[in-house]
PDB file of N, CA and C in Angstrom:
ATOM      1  N   MET A   1      -2.978  -5.948  -1.454  1.00  0.00           N
ATOM      2  CA  MET A   1      -2.143  -5.640  -2.709  1.00  0.00           C
ATOM      3  C   MET A   1      -0.690  -5.707  -2.317  1.00  0.00           C
ATOM      4  N   PHE A   2      -0.490  -5.070  -1.210  1.00  0.00           N
ATOM      5  CA  PHE A   2       1.007  -4.936  -0.898  1.00  0.00           C
ATOM      6  C   PHE A   2       1.645  -6.243  -0.751  1.00  0.00           C
ATOM      7  N   ILE A   3       0.979  -7.260  -0.049  1.00  0.00           N
ATOM      8  CA  ILE A   3       1.524  -8.530   0.084  1.00  0.00           C
ATOM      9  C   ILE A   3       1.744  -9.126  -1.149  1.00  0.00           C
ATOM     10  N   VAL A   4       0.657  -9.114  -2.126  1.00  0.00           N
ATOM     11  CA  VAL A   4       0.784  -9.682  -3.462  1.00  0.00           C
ATOM     12  C   VAL A   4       2.083  -9.183  -4.170  1.00  0.00           C
ATOM     13  N   GLY A   5       2.175  -7.842  -3.974  1.00  0.00           N
ATOM     14  CA  GLY A   5       3.423  -7.202  -4.642  1.00  0.00           C
ATOM     15  C   GLY A   5       4.585  -7.387  -4.080  1.00  0.00           C
ATOM     16  N   ALA A   6       4.724  -7.541  -2.719  1.00  0.00           N
ATOM     17  CA  ALA A   6       6.026  -8.012  -2.042  1.00  0.00           C
ATOM     18  C   ALA A   6       6.370  -9.553  -2.556  1.00  0.00           C
ATOM     19  N   VAL A   7       5.332 -10.294  -2.642  1.00  0.00           N
ATOM     20  CA  VAL A   7       5.718 -11.722  -2.982  1.00  0.00           C
ATOM     21  C   VAL A   7       6.121 -11.832  -4.318  1.00  0.00           C
ATOM     22  N   ALA A   8       5.551 -11.001  -5.230  1.00  0.00           N
ATOM     23  CA  ALA A   8       5.963 -10.985  -6.638  1.00  0.00           C
ATOM     24  C   ALA A   8       7.308 -10.287  -6.827  1.00  0.00           C
ATOM     25  N   THR A   9       7.713  -9.414  -6.022  1.00  0.00           N
ATOM     26  CA  THR A   9       8.955  -8.730  -5.960  1.00  0.00           C
ATOM     27  C   THR A   9      10.116  -9.815  -5.641  1.00  0.00           C
ATOM     28  N   LEU A  10       9.749 -10.539  -4.539  1.00  0.00           N
ATOM     29  CA  LEU A  10      10.709 -11.679  -4.164  1.00  0.00           C
ATOM     30  C   LEU A  10      10.937 -12.679  -5.247  1.00  0.00           C
ATOM     31  N   VAL A  11       9.816 -13.077  -5.790  1.00  0.00           N
ATOM     32  CA  VAL A  11       9.821 -14.052  -6.837  1.00  0.00           C
ATOM     33  C   VAL A  11      10.437 -13.496  -8.073  1.00  0.00           C
ATOM     34  N   THR A  12      10.511 -12.307  -8.425  1.00  0.00           N
ATOM     35  CA  THR A  12      10.973 -11.730  -9.534  1.00  0.00           C
ATOM     36  C   THR A  12      12.521 -11.564  -9.343  1.00  0.00           C
ATOM     37  N   VAL A  13      12.995 -11.122  -8.148  1.00  0.00           N
ATOM     38  CA  VAL A  13      14.382 -10.947  -7.851  1.00  0.00           C
ATOM     39  C   VAL A  13      15.127 -12.240  -7.618  1.00  0.00           C
ATOM     40  N   ALA A  14      14.405 -13.216  -7.209  1.00  0.00           N
ATOM     41  CA  ALA A  14      15.208 -14.419  -6.719  1.00  0.00           C
ATOM     42  C   ALA A  14      16.060 -15.100  -7.969  1.00  0.00           C
ATOM     43  N   PRO A  15      15.543 -15.156  -9.095  1.00  0.00           N
ATOM     44  CA  PRO A  15      16.394 -15.660 -10.216  1.00  0.00           C
ATOM     45  C   PRO A  15      17.732 -14.837 -10.569  1.00  0.00           C
ATOM     46  N   LEU A  16      17.591 -13.621 -10.251  1.00  0.00           N
ATOM     47  CA  LEU A  16      18.836 -12.750 -10.455  1.00  0.00           C
ATOM     48  C   LEU A  16      19.861 -13.127  -9.451  1.00  0.00           C
ATOM     49  N   PHE A  17      19.575 -13.596  -8.293  1.00  0.00           N
ATOM     50  CA  PHE A  17      20.563 -13.985  -7.347  1.00  0.00           C
ATOM     51  C   PHE A  17      20.939 -15.464  -7.541  1.00  0.00           C
ATOM     52  N   LEU A  18      19.934 -16.271  -8.059  1.00  0.00           N
ATOM     53  CA  LEU A  18      20.196 -17.714  -8.270  1.00  0.00           C
ATOM     54  C   LEU A  18      20.958 -18.090  -9.529  1.00  0.00           C
ATOM     55  N   GLY A  19      20.875 -17.008 -10.387  1.00  0.00           N
ATOM     56  CA  GLY A  19      21.615 -17.332 -11.735  1.00  0.00           C
ATOM     57  C   GLY A  19      20.609 -18.064 -12.704  1.00  0.00           C
ATOM     58  N   THR A  20      19.452 -18.182 -12.388  1.00  0.00           N
ATOM     59  CA  THR A  20      18.578 -18.837 -13.320  1.00  0.00           C
ATOM     60  C   THR A  20      17.887 -17.991 -14.375  1.00  0.00           C
ATOM     61  N   THR A  21      16.969 -18.485 -15.102  1.00  0.00           N
ATOM     62  CA  THR A  21      16.295 -17.692 -16.204  1.00  0.00           C
ATOM     63  C   THR A  21      15.390 -16.578 -15.609  1.00  0.00           C
ATOM     64  N   PRO A  22      15.327 -15.402 -15.981  1.00  0.00           N
ATOM     65  CA  PRO A  22      14.499 -14.439 -15.280  1.00  0.00           C
ATOM     66  C   PRO A  22      13.080 -14.726 -15.767  1.00  0.00           C
ATOM     67  N   PHE A  23      12.000 -14.227 -14.985  1.00  0.00           N
ATOM     68  CA  PHE A  23      10.712 -14.441 -15.125  1.00  0.00           C
ATOM     69  C   PHE A  23      10.238 -13.343 -16.202  1.00  0.00           C
ATOM     70  N   PRO A  24       9.116 -13.783 -16.821  1.00  0.00           N
ATOM     71  CA  PRO A  24       8.571 -12.803 -17.811  1.00  0.00           C
ATOM     72  C   PRO A  24       8.187 -11.449 -17.374  1.00  0.00           C
ATOM     73  N   THR A  25       7.974 -10.475 -18.284  1.00  0.00           N
ATOM     74  CA  THR A  25       7.682  -9.097 -17.913  1.00  0.00           C
ATOM     75  C   THR A  25       6.462  -8.948 -17.067  1.00  0.00           C
ATOM     76  N   TYR A  26       5.391  -9.725 -17.218  1.00  0.00           N
ATOM     77  CA  TYR A  26       4.302  -9.536 -16.342  1.00  0.00           C
ATOM     78  C   TYR A  26       4.555  -9.689 -14.854  1.00  0.00           C
ATOM     79  N   MET A  27       5.570 -10.526 -14.491  1.00  0.00           N
ATOM     80  CA  MET A  27       5.949 -10.585 -13.112  1.00  0.00           C
ATOM     81  C   MET A  27       6.527  -9.239 -12.508  1.00  0.00           C
ATOM     82  N   PHE A  28       7.308  -8.531 -13.414  1.00  0.00           N
ATOM     83  CA  PHE A  28       7.677  -7.149 -13.019  1.00  0.00           C
ATOM     84  C   PHE A  28       6.553  -6.075 -12.786  1.00  0.00           C
ATOM     85  N   VAL A  29       5.497  -6.439 -13.668  1.00  0.00           N
ATOM     86  CA  VAL A  29       4.228  -5.525 -13.416  1.00  0.00           C
ATOM     87  C   VAL A  29       3.589  -5.938 -12.309  1.00  0.00           C
ATOM     88  N   LEU A  30       3.547  -7.188 -11.879  1.00  0.00           N
ATOM     89  CA  LEU A  30       2.968  -7.472 -10.611  1.00  0.00           C
ATOM     90  C   LEU A  30       3.704  -7.081  -9.382  1.00  0.00           C
ATOM     91  N   SER A  31       4.987  -6.969  -9.421  1.00  0.00           N
ATOM     92  CA  SER A  31       5.771  -6.462  -8.316  1.00  0.00           C
ATOM     93  C   SER A  31       5.516  -5.037  -8.029  1.00  0.00           C
ATOM     94  N   MET A  32       4.973  -4.216  -9.001  1.00  0.00           N
ATOM     95  CA  MET A  32       4.601  -2.890  -8.899  1.00  0.00           C
ATOM     96  C   MET A  32       3.362  -2.685  -7.956  1.00  0.00           C
ATOM     97  N   LEU A  33       2.645  -3.748  -7.768  1.00  0.00           N
ATOM     98  CA  LEU A  33       1.512  -3.819  -7.030  1.00  0.00           C
ATOM     99  C   LEU A  33       1.863  -3.552  -5.486  1.00  0.00           C
ATOM    100  N   MET A  34       3.011  -3.567  -5.112  1.00  0.00           N
ATOM    101  CA  MET A  34       3.512  -3.349  -3.762  1.00  0.00           C
ATOM    102  C   MET A  34       3.338  -1.800  -3.561  1.00  0.00           C
ATOM    103  N   GLY A  35       3.851  -1.059  -4.411  1.00  0.00           N
ATOM    104  CA  GLY A  35       3.731   0.409  -4.339  1.00  0.00           C
ATOM    105  C   GLY A  35       2.319   0.880  -4.287  1.00  0.00           C
ATOM    106  N   VAL A  36       1.548   0.211  -5.192  1.00  0.00           N
ATOM    107  CA  VAL A  36       0.076   0.603  -5.227  1.00  0.00           C
ATOM    108  C   VAL A  36      -0.665   0.221  -3.962  1.00  0.00           C
ATOM    109  N   GLY A  37      -0.264  -0.849  -3.301  1.00  0.00           N
ATOM    110  CA  GLY A  37      -0.868  -1.223  -1.987  1.00  0.00           C
ATOM    111  C   GLY A  37      -0.463  -0.293  -0.947  1.00  0.00           C
ATOM    112  N   PHE A  38       0.903   0.163  -1.025  1.00  0.00           N
ATOM    113  CA  PHE A  38       1.422   1.064  -0.111  1.00  0.00           C
ATOM    114  C   PHE A  38       0.653   2.416  -0.129  1.00  0.00           C
ATOM    115  N   LEU A  39       0.403   2.781  -1.416  1.00  0.00           N
ATOM    116  CA  LEU A  39      -0.300   4.112  -1.574  1.00  0.00           C
ATOM    117  C   LEU A  39      -1.776   4.055  -1.026  1.00  0.00           C
ATOM    118  N   MET A  40      -2.466   2.993  -1.350  1.00  0.00           N
ATOM    119  CA  MET A  40      -3.723   2.768  -0.735  1.00  0.00           C
ATOM    120  C   MET A  40      -3.763   2.690   0.744  1.00  0.00           C
ATOM    121  N   ALA A  41      -2.816   2.089   1.322  1.00  0.00           N
ATOM    122  CA  ALA A  41      -2.849   2.166   2.753  1.00  0.00           C
ATOM    123  C   ALA A  41      -2.598   3.559   3.332  1.00  0.00           C
ATOM    124  N   GLY A  42      -1.713   4.376   2.670  1.00  0.00           N
ATOM    125  CA  GLY A  42      -1.430   5.473   3.127  1.00  0.00           C
ATOM    126  C   GLY A  42      -2.642   6.476   2.936  1.00  0.00           C
ATOM    127  N   ALA A  43      -3.360   6.208   1.785  1.00  0.00           N
ATOM    128  CA  ALA A  43      -4.532   7.036   1.664  1.00  0.00           C
ATOM    129  C   ALA A  43      -5.633   6.675   2.642  1.00  0.00           C
ATOM    130  N   GLY A  44      -5.782   5.445   2.971  1.00  0.00           N
ATOM    131  CA  GLY A  44      -6.635   5.097   4.132  1.00  0.00           C
ATOM    132  C   GLY A  44      -6.286   5.686   5.464  1.00  0.00           C
ATOM    133  N   VAL A  45      -5.162   5.766   5.687  1.00  0.00           N
ATOM    134  CA  VAL A  45      -4.735   6.400   6.941  1.00  0.00           C
ATOM    135  C   VAL A  45      -4.940   7.852   7.107  1.00  0.00           C
ATOM    136  N   LEU A  46      -4.696   8.525   5.896  1.00  0.00           N
ATOM    137  CA  LEU A  46      -5.045  10.074   5.692  1.00  0.00           C
ATOM    138  C   LEU A  46      -6.539  10.231   5.880  1.00  0.00           C
ATOM    139  N   ARG A  47      -7.457   9.369   5.258  1.00  0.00           N
ATOM    140  CA  ARG A  47      -8.965   9.547   5.287  1.00  0.00           C
ATOM    141  C   ARG A  47      -9.360   9.327   6.780  1.00  0.00           C
ATOM    142  N   SER A  48      -8.668   8.306   7.414  1.00  0.00           N
ATOM    143  CA  SER A  48      -9.126   7.979   8.790  1.00  0.00           C
ATOM    144  C   SER A  48      -8.868   9.139   9.727  1.00  0.00           C
ATOM    145  N   ALA A  49      -7.614   9.715   9.575  1.00  0.00           N
ATOM    146  CA  ALA A  49      -7.331  10.987  10.351  1.00  0.00           C
ATOM    147  C   ALA A  49      -8.090  12.097  10.113  1.00  0.00           C
ATOM    148  N   ALA A  50      -8.570  12.257   8.814  1.00  0.00           N
ATOM    149  CA  ALA A  50      -9.361  13.358   8.512  1.00  0.00           C
ATOM    150  C   ALA A  50     -10.709  13.094   9.098  1.00  0.00           C
ATOM    151  N   ALA A  51     -11.355  12.064   9.134  1.00  0.00           N
ATOM    152  CA  ALA A  51     -12.604  11.707   9.692  1.00  0.00           C
ATOM    153  C   ALA A  51     -12.489  11.893  11.263  1.00  0.00           C
ATOM    154  N   GLY A  52     -11.353  11.466  11.889  1.00  0.00           N
ATOM    155  CA  GLY A  52     -11.263  11.562  13.357  1.00  0.00           C
ATOM    156  C   GLY A  52     -11.193  13.082  13.595  1.00  0.00           C
ATOM    157  N   ARG A  53     -10.604  13.932  12.882  1.00  0.00           N
ATOM    158  CA  ARG A  53     -10.492  15.385  13.253  1.00  0.00           C
ATOM    159  C   ARG A  53     -12.051  15.918  12.981  1.00  0.00           C
ATOM    160  N   ARG A  54     -12.730  15.554  11.947  1.00  0.00           N
ATOM    161  CA  ARG A  54     -14.117  16.014  11.681  1.00  0.00           C
ATOM    162  C   ARG A  54     -14.910  15.802  13.040  1.00  0.00           C
ATOM    163  N   THR A  55     -14.783  14.511  13.412  1.00  0.00           N
ATOM    164  CA  THR A  55     -15.592  13.979  14.624  1.00  0.00           C
ATOM    165  C   THR A  55     -15.259  14.805  15.829  1.00  0.00           C
ATOM    166  N   ALA A  56     -13.919  14.918  16.076  1.00  0.00           N
ATOM    167  CA  ALA A  56     -13.559  15.668  17.256  1.00  0.00           C
ATOM    168  C   ALA A  56     -13.976  17.127  17.191  1.00  0.00           C
ATOM    169  N   ARG A  57     -14.046  17.766  15.880  1.00  0.00           N
ATOM    170  CA  ARG A  57     -14.423  19.238  15.744  1.00  0.00           C
ATOM    171  C   ARG A  57     -15.895  19.341  16.068  1.00  0.00           C
ATOM    172  N   ALA A  58     -16.676  18.285  15.473  1.00  0.00           N
ATOM    173  CA  ALA A  58     -17.997  18.351  15.655  1.00  0.00           C
ATOM    174  C   ALA A  58     -18.453  18.096  17.060  1.00  0.00           C
ATOM    175  N   ALA A  59     -17.655  17.387  17.922  1.00  0.00           N
ATOM    176  CA  ALA A  59     -17.916  17.116  19.379  1.00  0.00           C
ATOM    177  C   ALA A  59     -17.589  18.357  20.103  1.00  0.00           C
ATOM    178  N   GLY A  60     -16.499  19.038  19.734  1.00  0.00           N
ATOM    179  CA  GLY A  60     -16.246  20.342  20.324  1.00  0.00           C
ATOM    180  C   GLY A  60     -17.352  21.456  20.092  1.00  0.00           C
ATOM    181  N   GLN A  61     -17.838  21.456  19.003  1.00  0.00           N
ATOM    182  CA  GLN A  61     -18.928  22.450  18.756  1.00  0.00           C
ATOM    183  C   GLN A  61     -20.203  22.358  19.418  1.00  0.00           C
ATOM    184  N   VAL A  62     -20.434  20.940  19.515  1.00  0.00           N
ATOM    185  CA  VAL A  62     -21.776  20.649  20.323  1.00  0.00           C
ATOM    186  C   VAL A  62     -21.641  21.034  21.889  1.00  0.00           C
ATOM    187  N   SER A  63     -20.279  20.731  22.392  1.00  0.00           N
ATOM    188  CA  SER A  63     -20.175  21.029  23.796  1.00  0.00           C
ATOM    189  C   SER A  63     -19.986  22.519  24.181  1.00  0.00           C
ATOM    190  N   GLU A  64     -19.494  23.298  23.160  1.00  0.00           N
ATOM    191  CA  GLU A  64     -19.247  24.749  23.422  1.00  0.00           C
ATOM    192  C   GLU A  64     -20.768  25.472  23.096  1.00  0.00           C
ATOM    193  N   GLY A  65     -21.527  24.962  22.340  1.00  0.00           N
ATOM    194  CA  GLY A  65     -22.802  25.713  21.996  1.00  0.00           C
ATOM    195  C   GLY A  65     -23.746  25.579  22.950  1.00  0.00           C
TER     196      GLY A  65
END
C-alpha cells in the first residue's frame, strides 16, 4: 500500500510543478494510501516485537522452572 500511495503522490504532485492540468480528486485519495501503508507497517513491527517478547518471556519461565 505504501508503494501505491507513494507513486500516486508523485503522480498527483507532478502536474503542479509542470504547470499542467491537475488530476481528479480520486488521485489525492489514492495518495493517502501511503500513510495507511506506513501505519500498517508500523502495526506489524509492534506486533512482531510483542510476539518476540512473549516468546522470550515464555522461554525464560521454562528455564527457571
